[in-house]
């Protein structure tokens, strides 16, 4: 059931962290993978690692906030691999401030990467997925913050909530073209993005880094455990390989019980 043999996937922000883990797992299960990242060198390196392990991957430079860059990158993937079956909209950053101190420029940057990036990559992918009703799967990297809020993260929480609306709308519009959509909502995963947050939150909240981990990040889990990159990659594999529209428009929470729905 988990075979992606013959499928083509674009994964944004895939030079590191969750995106890279998904790309590596997809390649192991037969997909040809495009590592789309704002850092061309890092994207090429990640692709080279997959190729050296026997997979098929290419690196693509892509600023997900730039429509021309998104369209050009997507078209390059289709030109090289012949099709597009899966889009993982994963690119993201984190900036933390209380609302009253949040610079408007940083608010706009956060929404542009997470929300505009999701829209632009989806629009570009659908041009290919809709042709002949070929179909495909679009997966957005949401967060428990697609359902919950935390202090200091107003634009992040806002954007991740917004991805639910985009995914649900796509599920309804795309069904006639055999396109499905989902949002994966991880709890805290110890990626470079999360590692960066630990000292930032400690400073903003006036507590130790150990307290940030125990009393902020993992406080509401059932076992005090970080979600892993493999947990998320396996979820992305399951959703991409699922054979029907019985699962579409769904929000899948992977969080050690932090949020239950």
C-alpha atoms as a PDB file:
ATOM      1  CA  UNK A   1       0.000   0.000   0.000  1.00  0.00           C
ATOM      2  CA  UNK A   2       2.866   2.370   0.713  1.00  0.00           C
ATOM      3  CA  UNK A   3       4.445   2.107  -2.723  1.00  0.00           C
ATOM      4  CA  UNK A   4       5.005   5.383  -4.553  1.00  0.00           C
ATOM      5  CA  UNK A   5       6.570   3.652  -7.544  1.00  0.00           C
ATOM      6  CA  UNK A   6       6.396   5.902 -10.592  1.00  0.00           C
ATOM      7  CA  UNK A   7       5.144   8.929  -8.666  1.00  0.00           C
ATOM      8  CA  UNK A   8       6.764  12.369  -8.824  1.00  0.00           C
ATOM      9  CA  UNK A   9       6.876  14.586  -5.733  1.00  0.00           C
ATOM     10  CA  UNK A  10       7.877  18.181  -5.085  1.00  0.00           C
ATOM     11  CA  UNK A  11       8.746  18.856  -1.468  1.00  0.00           C
ATOM     12  CA  UNK A  12       9.433  22.447  -0.436  1.00  0.00           C
ATOM     13  CA  UNK A  13      11.893  23.300   2.312  1.00  0.00           C
ATOM     14  CA  UNK A  14      13.324  19.826   1.807  1.00  0.00           C
ATOM     15  CA  UNK A  15      17.043  20.509   2.194  1.00  0.00           C
ATOM     16  CA  UNK A  16      16.756  19.807   5.925  1.00  0.00           C
ATOM     17  CA  UNK A  17      14.396  18.816   8.721  1.00  0.00           C
ATOM     18  CA  UNK A  18      10.961  17.354   8.045  1.00  0.00           C
ATOM     19  CA  UNK A  19      11.086  17.980   4.310  1.00  0.00           C
ATOM     20  CA  UNK A  20      14.351  16.105   3.913  1.00  0.00           C
ATOM     21  CA  UNK A  21      13.075  13.151   5.935  1.00  0.00           C
ATOM     22  CA  UNK A  22       9.948  12.950   3.774  1.00  0.00           C
ATOM     23  CA  UNK A  23      12.008  13.185   0.590  1.00  0.00           C
ATOM     24  CA  UNK A  24      14.310  10.367   1.695  1.00  0.00           C
ATOM     25  CA  UNK A  25      11.404   8.096   2.648  1.00  0.00           C
ATOM     26  CA  UNK A  26       9.495   8.828  -0.552  1.00  0.00           C
ATOM     27  CA  UNK A  27      12.579   7.979  -2.593  1.00  0.00           C
ATOM     28  CA  UNK A  28      12.960   4.673  -0.756  1.00  0.00           C
ATOM     29  CA  UNK A  29       9.381   3.847  -1.739  1.00  0.00           C
ATOM     30  CA  UNK A  30       9.926   4.523  -5.423  1.00  0.00           C
ATOM     31  CA  UNK A  31       9.074   8.193  -5.917  1.00  0.00           C
ATOM     32  CA  UNK A  32      11.167  10.568  -7.958  1.00  0.00           C
ATOM     33  CA  UNK A  33      11.683  13.554  -5.714  1.00  0.00           C
ATOM     34  CA  UNK A  34      12.362  17.251  -6.272  1.00  0.00           C
ATOM     35  CA  UNK A  35      14.089  18.903  -3.332  1.00  0.00           C
ATOM     36  CA  UNK A  36      12.760  22.465  -3.575  1.00  0.00           C
ATOM     37  CA  UNK A  37      14.528  24.905  -1.300  1.00  0.00           C
ATOM     38  CA  UNK A  38      15.522  28.556  -1.240  1.00  0.00           C
ATOM     39  CA  UNK A  39      19.122  27.356  -0.850  1.00  0.00           C
ATOM     40  CA  UNK A  40      20.123  25.789  -4.183  1.00  0.00           C
ATOM     41  CA  UNK A  41      23.382  24.364  -2.840  1.00  0.00           C
ATOM     42  CA  UNK A  42      21.651  22.680   0.082  1.00  0.00           C
ATOM     43  CA  UNK A  43      18.932  21.342  -2.233  1.00  0.00           C
ATOM     44  CA  UNK A  44      21.541  19.866  -4.580  1.00  0.00           C
ATOM     45  CA  UNK A  45      23.363  18.274  -1.651  1.00  0.00           C
ATOM     46  CA  UNK A  46      20.191  16.669  -0.287  1.00  0.00           C
ATOM     47  CA  UNK A  47      19.347  15.373  -3.770  1.00  0.00           C
ATOM     48  CA  UNK A  48      22.857  13.981  -4.179  1.00  0.00           C
ATOM     49  CA  UNK A  49      22.510  12.054  -0.909  1.00  0.00           C
ATOM     50  CA  UNK A  50      19.275  10.469  -2.103  1.00  0.00           C
ATOM     51  CA  UNK A  51      20.803   9.574  -5.465  1.00  0.00           C
ATOM     52  CA  UNK A  52      23.851   8.023  -3.818  1.00  0.00           C
ATOM     53  CA  UNK A  53      21.493   5.836  -1.768  1.00  0.00           C
ATOM     54  CA  UNK A  54      19.864   4.537  -4.952  1.00  0.00           C
ATOM     55  CA  UNK A  55      16.944   6.946  -5.222  1.00  0.00           C
ATOM     56  CA  UNK A  56      16.082   9.523  -7.861  1.00  0.00           C
ATOM     57  CA  UNK A  57      16.125  13.191  -6.883  1.00  0.00           C
ATOM     58  CA  UNK A  58      16.925  16.645  -8.190  1.00  0.00           C
ATOM     59  CA  UNK A  59      17.537  19.933  -6.423  1.00  0.00           C
ATOM     60  CA  UNK A  60      15.394  22.922  -7.364  1.00  0.00           C
ATOM     61  CA  UNK A  61      15.914  26.517  -6.235  1.00  0.00           C
ATOM     62  CA  UNK A  62      12.561  27.852  -5.078  1.00  0.00           C
ATOM     63  CA  UNK A  63      11.516  30.897  -3.090  1.00  0.00           C
ATOM     64  CA  UNK A  64       7.930  29.919  -2.265  1.00  0.00           C
ATOM     65  CA  UNK A  65       6.921  33.574  -1.841  1.00  0.00           C
ATOM     66  CA  UNK A  66       7.852  34.383  -5.448  1.00  0.00           C
ATOM     67  CA  UNK A  67       5.250  33.325  -8.022  1.00  0.00           C
ATOM     68  CA  UNK A  68       7.679  33.277 -10.940  1.00  0.00           C
ATOM     69  CA  UNK A  69      10.181  31.175  -8.979  1.00  0.00           C
ATOM     70  CA  UNK A  70       7.467  28.723  -7.964  1.00  0.00           C
ATOM     71  CA  UNK A  71       6.108  28.377 -11.499  1.00  0.00           C
ATOM     72  CA  UNK A  72       9.563  28.036 -13.040  1.00  0.00           C
ATOM     73  CA  UNK A  73      10.687  25.460 -10.489  1.00  0.00           C
ATOM     74  CA  UNK A  74       7.517  23.413 -10.838  1.00  0.00           C
ATOM     75  CA  UNK A  75       7.782  23.410 -14.619  1.00  0.00           C
ATOM     76  CA  UNK A  76      11.425  22.274 -14.400  1.00  0.00           C
ATOM     77  CA  UNK A  77      10.398  19.282 -12.324  1.00  0.00           C
ATOM     78  CA  UNK A  78       7.678  18.274 -14.789  1.00  0.00           C
ATOM     79  CA  UNK A  79      10.044  18.766 -17.730  1.00  0.00           C
ATOM     80  CA  UNK A  80      12.627  16.464 -16.140  1.00  0.00           C
ATOM     81  CA  UNK A  81      10.373  13.822 -14.572  1.00  0.00           C
ATOM     82  CA  UNK A  82       7.392  14.021 -16.927  1.00  0.00           C
ATOM     83  CA  UNK A  83       4.630  14.544 -14.386  1.00  0.00           C
ATOM     84  CA  UNK A  84       3.698  15.780 -10.923  1.00  0.00           C
ATOM     85  CA  UNK A  85       1.717  13.598  -8.518  1.00  0.00           C
ATOM     86  CA  UNK A  86       2.492  14.883  -5.023  1.00  0.00           C
ATOM     87  CA  UNK A  87       3.139  18.301  -3.555  1.00  0.00           C
ATOM     88  CA  UNK A  88       4.355  18.677   0.007  1.00  0.00           C
ATOM     89  CA  UNK A  89       4.090  22.334   1.039  1.00  0.00           C
ATOM     90  CA  UNK A  90       6.564  22.270   3.905  1.00  0.00           C
ATOM     91  CA  UNK A  91       8.754  25.387   3.701  1.00  0.00           C
ATOM     92  CA  UNK A  92       8.589  27.419   6.889  1.00  0.00           C
ATOM     93  CA  UNK A  93      10.345  29.627   9.394  1.00  0.00           C
ATOM     94  CA  UNK A  94       9.664  30.724  12.952  1.00  0.00           C
ATOM     95  CA  UNK A  95       9.897  34.172  14.550  1.00  0.00           C
ATOM     96  CA  UNK A  96       8.695  34.791  18.095  1.00  0.00           C
ATOM     97  CA  UNK A  97       7.518  38.041  19.718  1.00  0.00           C
ATOM     98  CA  UNK A  98       4.493  39.106  21.729  1.00  0.00           C
ATOM     99  CA  UNK A  99       1.802  40.658  19.533  1.00  0.00           C
ATOM    100  CA  UNK A 100       2.383  44.201  20.719  1.00  0.00           C
ATOM    101  CA  UNK A 101       6.058  43.976  19.784  1.00  0.00           C
ATOM    102  CA  UNK A 102       5.748  41.999  16.548  1.00  0.00           C
ATOM    103  CA  UNK A 103       7.232  43.998  13.659  1.00  0.00           C
ATOM    104  CA  UNK A 104       4.744  44.193  10.805  1.00  0.00           C
ATOM    105  CA  UNK A 105       7.467  43.266   8.312  1.00  0.00           C
ATOM    106  CA  UNK A 106       8.118  40.018  10.193  1.00  0.00           C
ATOM    107  CA  UNK A 107       4.382  39.299  10.406  1.00  0.00           C
ATOM    108  CA  UNK A 108       4.146  39.654   6.617  1.00  0.00           C
ATOM    109  CA  UNK A 109       7.244  37.510   6.101  1.00  0.00           C
ATOM    110  CA  UNK A 110       5.777  34.682   8.167  1.00  0.00           C
ATOM    111  CA  UNK A 111       2.426  34.732   6.366  1.00  0.00           C
ATOM    112  CA  UNK A 112       4.140  34.974   2.985  1.00  0.00           C
ATOM    113  CA  UNK A 113       6.264  31.866   3.541  1.00  0.00           C
ATOM    114  CA  UNK A 114       3.674  29.663   5.206  1.00  0.00           C
ATOM    115  CA  UNK A 115       0.387  30.791   3.668  1.00  0.00           C
ATOM    116  CA  UNK A 116       1.265  32.498   0.374  1.00  0.00           C
ATOM    117  CA  UNK A 117       3.803  29.734  -0.221  1.00  0.00           C
ATOM    118  CA  UNK A 118       1.119  27.095   0.245  1.00  0.00           C
ATOM    119  CA  UNK A 119      -1.177  28.898  -2.190  1.00  0.00           C
ATOM    120  CA  UNK A 120       1.441  29.569  -4.869  1.00  0.00           C
ATOM    121  CA  UNK A 121       2.868  26.046  -4.876  1.00  0.00           C
ATOM    122  CA  UNK A 122      -0.639  24.589  -4.971  1.00  0.00           C
ATOM    123  CA  UNK A 123      -1.670  26.794  -7.897  1.00  0.00           C
ATOM    124  CA  UNK A 124       1.450  25.800  -9.823  1.00  0.00           C
ATOM    125  CA  UNK A 125       0.985  22.103  -9.078  1.00  0.00           C
ATOM    126  CA  UNK A 126      -2.671  22.054 -10.079  1.00  0.00           C
ATOM    127  CA  UNK A 127      -1.842  23.178 -13.621  1.00  0.00           C
ATOM    128  CA  UNK A 128      -0.255  19.755 -14.026  1.00  0.00           C
ATOM    129  CA  UNK A 129      -2.457  17.644 -11.735  1.00  0.00           C
ATOM    130  CA  UNK A 130      -5.665  18.877 -13.381  1.00  0.00           C
ATOM    131  CA  UNK A 131      -4.525  18.027 -16.926  1.00  0.00           C
ATOM    132  CA  UNK A 132      -6.659  15.137 -18.121  1.00  0.00           C
ATOM    133  CA  UNK A 133      -7.900  14.756 -14.534  1.00  0.00           C
ATOM    134  CA  UNK A 134      -4.598  13.033 -13.786  1.00  0.00           C
ATOM    135  CA  UNK A 135      -5.036  13.828 -10.119  1.00  0.00           C
ATOM    136  CA  UNK A 136      -2.599  13.996  -7.247  1.00  0.00           C
ATOM    137  CA  UNK A 137      -2.158  14.658  -3.564  1.00  0.00           C
ATOM    138  CA  UNK A 138      -1.310  17.977  -1.917  1.00  0.00           C
ATOM    139  CA  UNK A 139      -0.094  17.841   1.681  1.00  0.00           C
ATOM    140  CA  UNK A 140       0.422  20.973   3.737  1.00  0.00           C
ATOM    141  CA  UNK A 141       2.711  20.984   6.749  1.00  0.00           C
ATOM    142  CA  UNK A 142       0.512  22.461   9.431  1.00  0.00           C
ATOM    143  CA  UNK A 143       1.052  22.140  13.156  1.00  0.00           C
ATOM    144  CA  UNK A 144      -0.769  21.504  16.372  1.00  0.00           C
ATOM    145  CA  UNK A 145      -0.900  25.296  16.066  1.00  0.00           C
ATOM    146  CA  UNK A 146      -3.369  24.753  13.231  1.00  0.00           C
ATOM    147  CA  UNK A 147      -5.799  23.981  16.078  1.00  0.00           C
ATOM    148  CA  UNK A 148      -4.264  25.492  19.215  1.00  0.00           C
ATOM    149  CA  UNK A 149      -2.535  28.759  20.050  1.00  0.00           C
ATOM    150  CA  UNK A 150       0.663  29.498  21.936  1.00  0.00           C
ATOM    151  CA  UNK A 151       2.123  32.728  23.200  1.00  0.00           C
ATOM    152  CA  UNK A 152       4.596  34.647  21.004  1.00  0.00           C
ATOM    153  CA  UNK A 153       3.531  33.005  17.727  1.00  0.00           C
ATOM    154  CA  UNK A 154       0.673  35.115  16.359  1.00  0.00           C
ATOM    155  CA  UNK A 155       1.576  34.962  12.631  1.00  0.00           C
ATOM    156  CA  UNK A 156       2.620  31.299  12.789  1.00  0.00           C
ATOM    157  CA  UNK A 157      -0.635  30.282  14.470  1.00  0.00           C
ATOM    158  CA  UNK A 158      -2.615  32.444  12.049  1.00  0.00           C
ATOM    159  CA  UNK A 159      -0.912  30.938   8.999  1.00  0.00           C
ATOM    160  CA  UNK A 160      -1.210  27.357  10.208  1.00  0.00           C
ATOM    161  CA  UNK A 161      -4.922  27.860  10.876  1.00  0.00           C
ATOM    162  CA  UNK A 162      -5.220  29.291   7.358  1.00  0.00           C
ATOM    163  CA  UNK A 163      -3.755  26.155   5.782  1.00  0.00           C
ATOM    164  CA  UNK A 164      -6.736  24.184   7.066  1.00  0.00           C
ATOM    165  CA  UNK A 165      -9.043  26.400   5.030  1.00  0.00           C
ATOM    166  CA  UNK A 166      -6.894  26.101   1.918  1.00  0.00           C
ATOM    167  CA  UNK A 167      -6.700  22.312   2.188  1.00  0.00           C
ATOM    168  CA  UNK A 168     -10.431  21.917   2.751  1.00  0.00           C
ATOM    169  CA  UNK A 169     -11.267  24.173  -0.188  1.00  0.00           C
ATOM    170  CA  UNK A 170      -8.871  22.246  -2.422  1.00  0.00           C
ATOM    171  CA  UNK A 171     -10.452  18.954  -1.311  1.00  0.00           C
ATOM    172  CA  UNK A 172     -13.815  20.173  -2.610  1.00  0.00           C
ATOM    173  CA  UNK A 173     -12.559  21.865  -5.787  1.00  0.00           C
ATOM    174  CA  UNK A 174     -10.003  19.218  -6.670  1.00  0.00           C
ATOM    175  CA  UNK A 175     -12.203  16.158  -6.266  1.00  0.00           C
ATOM    176  CA  UNK A 176     -13.556  16.355  -9.804  1.00  0.00           C
ATOM    177  CA  UNK A 177      -9.932  16.261 -11.037  1.00  0.00           C
ATOM    178  CA  UNK A 178      -8.940  13.405  -8.672  1.00  0.00           C
ATOM    179  CA  UNK A 179      -6.867  15.691  -6.448  1.00  0.00           C
ATOM    180  CA  UNK A 180      -6.848  15.106  -2.693  1.00  0.00           C
ATOM    181  CA  UNK A 181      -5.468  17.320   0.057  1.00  0.00           C
ATOM    182  CA  UNK A 182      -4.435  17.031   3.693  1.00  0.00           C
ATOM    183  CA  UNK A 183      -2.763  18.940   6.495  1.00  0.00           C
ATOM    184  CA  UNK A 184      -0.261  17.130   8.707  1.00  0.00           C
ATOM    185  CA  UNK A 185      -0.186  18.761  12.142  1.00  0.00           C
ATOM    186  CA  UNK A 186       2.959  17.807  14.069  1.00  0.00           C
ATOM    187  CA  UNK A 187       3.649  18.489  17.674  1.00  0.00           C
ATOM    188  CA  UNK A 188       7.123  19.764  18.489  1.00  0.00           C
ATOM    189  CA  UNK A 189       9.740  17.955  16.411  1.00  0.00           C
ATOM    190  CA  UNK A 190      13.368  18.594  17.308  1.00  0.00           C
ATOM    191  CA  UNK A 191      14.348  20.047  13.943  1.00  0.00           C
ATOM    192  CA  UNK A 192      16.703  23.044  13.498  1.00  0.00           C
ATOM    193  CA  UNK A 193      13.574  25.247  13.461  1.00  0.00           C
ATOM    194  CA  UNK A 194      12.566  24.033  16.922  1.00  0.00           C
ATOM    195  CA  UNK A 195      16.114  24.066  18.294  1.00  0.00           C
ATOM    196  CA  UNK A 196      16.288  27.755  17.388  1.00  0.00           C
ATOM    197  CA  UNK A 197      13.063  28.443  19.287  1.00  0.00           C
ATOM    198  CA  UNK A 198      14.260  27.018  22.603  1.00  0.00           C
ATOM    199  CA  UNK A 199      16.683  29.839  23.551  1.00  0.00           C
ATOM    200  CA  UNK A 200      14.402  32.451  21.937  1.00  0.00           C
ATOM    201  CA  UNK A 201      11.432  31.395  24.043  1.00  0.00           C
ATOM    202  CA  UNK A 202      13.582  31.103  27.157  1.00  0.00           C
ATOM    203  CA  UNK A 203      14.622  34.730  26.693  1.00  0.00           C
ATOM    204  CA  UNK A 204      11.115  36.015  25.932  1.00  0.00           C
ATOM    205  CA  UNK A 205       9.488  34.077  28.795  1.00  0.00           C
ATOM    206  CA  UNK A 206      12.276  34.598  31.330  1.00  0.00           C
ATOM    207  CA  UNK A 207      12.733  30.871  32.030  1.00  0.00           C
ATOM    208  CA  UNK A 208      15.452  28.291  31.418  1.00  0.00           C
ATOM    209  CA  UNK A 209      15.775  26.304  28.199  1.00  0.00           C
ATOM    210  CA  UNK A 210      15.004  23.124  30.142  1.00  0.00           C
ATOM    211  CA  UNK A 211      11.758  24.708  31.340  1.00  0.00           C
ATOM    212  CA  UNK A 212      10.855  25.669  27.779  1.00  0.00           C
ATOM    213  CA  UNK A 213      11.183  22.024  26.735  1.00  0.00           C
ATOM    214  CA  UNK A 214       9.374  20.541  29.735  1.00  0.00           C
ATOM    215  CA  UNK A 215       6.770  23.164  30.576  1.00  0.00           C
ATOM    216  CA  UNK A 216       6.060  24.773  27.196  1.00  0.00           C
ATOM    217  CA  UNK A 217       6.849  22.410  24.354  1.00  0.00           C
ATOM    218  CA  UNK A 218       6.045  19.023  25.885  1.00  0.00           C
ATOM    219  CA  UNK A 219       3.768  20.014  28.768  1.00  0.00           C
ATOM    220  CA  UNK A 220       0.544  18.768  27.169  1.00  0.00           C
ATOM    221  CA  UNK A 221       1.844  15.543  25.609  1.00  0.00           C
ATOM    222  CA  UNK A 222       0.897  12.256  27.232  1.00  0.00           C
ATOM    223  CA  UNK A 223       4.478  11.095  27.621  1.00  0.00           C
ATOM    224  CA  UNK A 224       6.746  14.170  27.593  1.00  0.00           C
ATOM    225  CA  UNK A 225       8.231  13.087  24.278  1.00  0.00           C
ATOM    226  CA  UNK A 226       9.097  14.998  21.108  1.00  0.00           C
ATOM    227  CA  UNK A 227       7.448  13.894  17.874  1.00  0.00           C
ATOM    228  CA  UNK A 228      10.118  12.583  15.499  1.00  0.00           C
ATOM    229  CA  UNK A 229      10.880  13.400  11.879  1.00  0.00           C
ATOM    230  CA  UNK A 230      10.176   9.753  11.042  1.00  0.00           C
ATOM    231  CA  UNK A 231       6.716  10.000  12.638  1.00  0.00           C
ATOM    232  CA  UNK A 232       5.903  12.814  10.228  1.00  0.00           C
ATOM    233  CA  UNK A 233       7.546  11.202   7.201  1.00  0.00           C
ATOM    234  CA  UNK A 234       5.617   7.974   7.752  1.00  0.00           C
ATOM    235  CA  UNK A 235       2.371   9.946   7.994  1.00  0.00           C
ATOM    236  CA  UNK A 236       3.177  11.757   4.743  1.00  0.00           C
ATOM    237  CA  UNK A 237       3.890   8.413   3.074  1.00  0.00           C
ATOM    238  CA  UNK A 238       0.594   6.930   4.257  1.00  0.00           C
ATOM    239  CA  UNK A 239      -1.435   9.900   3.009  1.00  0.00           C
ATOM    240  CA  UNK A 240       0.292  10.049  -0.390  1.00  0.00           C
ATOM    241  CA  UNK A 241      -0.122   6.328  -0.984  1.00  0.00           C
ATOM    242  CA  UNK A 242      -3.723   6.072   0.232  1.00  0.00           C
ATOM    243  CA  UNK A 243      -5.723   4.728  -2.731  1.00  0.00           C
ATOM    244  CA  UNK A 244      -8.947   6.732  -2.621  1.00  0.00           C
ATOM    245  CA  UNK A 245     -10.670   9.992  -1.736  1.00  0.00           C
ATOM    246  CA  UNK A 246     -12.062   8.408   1.430  1.00  0.00           C
ATOM    247  CA  UNK A 247      -9.308  10.464   3.044  1.00  0.00           C
ATOM    248  CA  UNK A 248      -9.324  14.024   1.741  1.00  0.00           C
ATOM    249  CA  UNK A 249      -9.534  17.440   3.349  1.00  0.00           C
ATOM    250  CA  UNK A 250      -8.261  15.940   6.581  1.00  0.00           C
ATOM    251  CA  UNK A 251      -6.155  17.330   9.373  1.00  0.00           C
ATOM    252  CA  UNK A 252      -3.925  14.598  10.782  1.00  0.00           C
ATOM    253  CA  UNK A 253      -2.481  15.469  14.203  1.00  0.00           C
ATOM    254  CA  UNK A 254       0.786  13.720  15.137  1.00  0.00           C
ATOM    255  CA  UNK A 255       1.631  15.058  18.579  1.00  0.00           C
ATOM    256  CA  UNK A 256       1.875  12.435  21.342  1.00  0.00           C
ATOM    257  CA  UNK A 257      -1.580  13.433  22.504  1.00  0.00           C
ATOM    258  CA  UNK A 258      -0.887  17.161  22.801  1.00  0.00           C
ATOM    259  CA  UNK A 259      -4.017  17.863  20.774  1.00  0.00           C
ATOM    260  CA  UNK A 260      -6.742  15.264  20.309  1.00  0.00           C
ATOM    261  CA  UNK A 261      -9.596  15.611  17.849  1.00  0.00           C
END
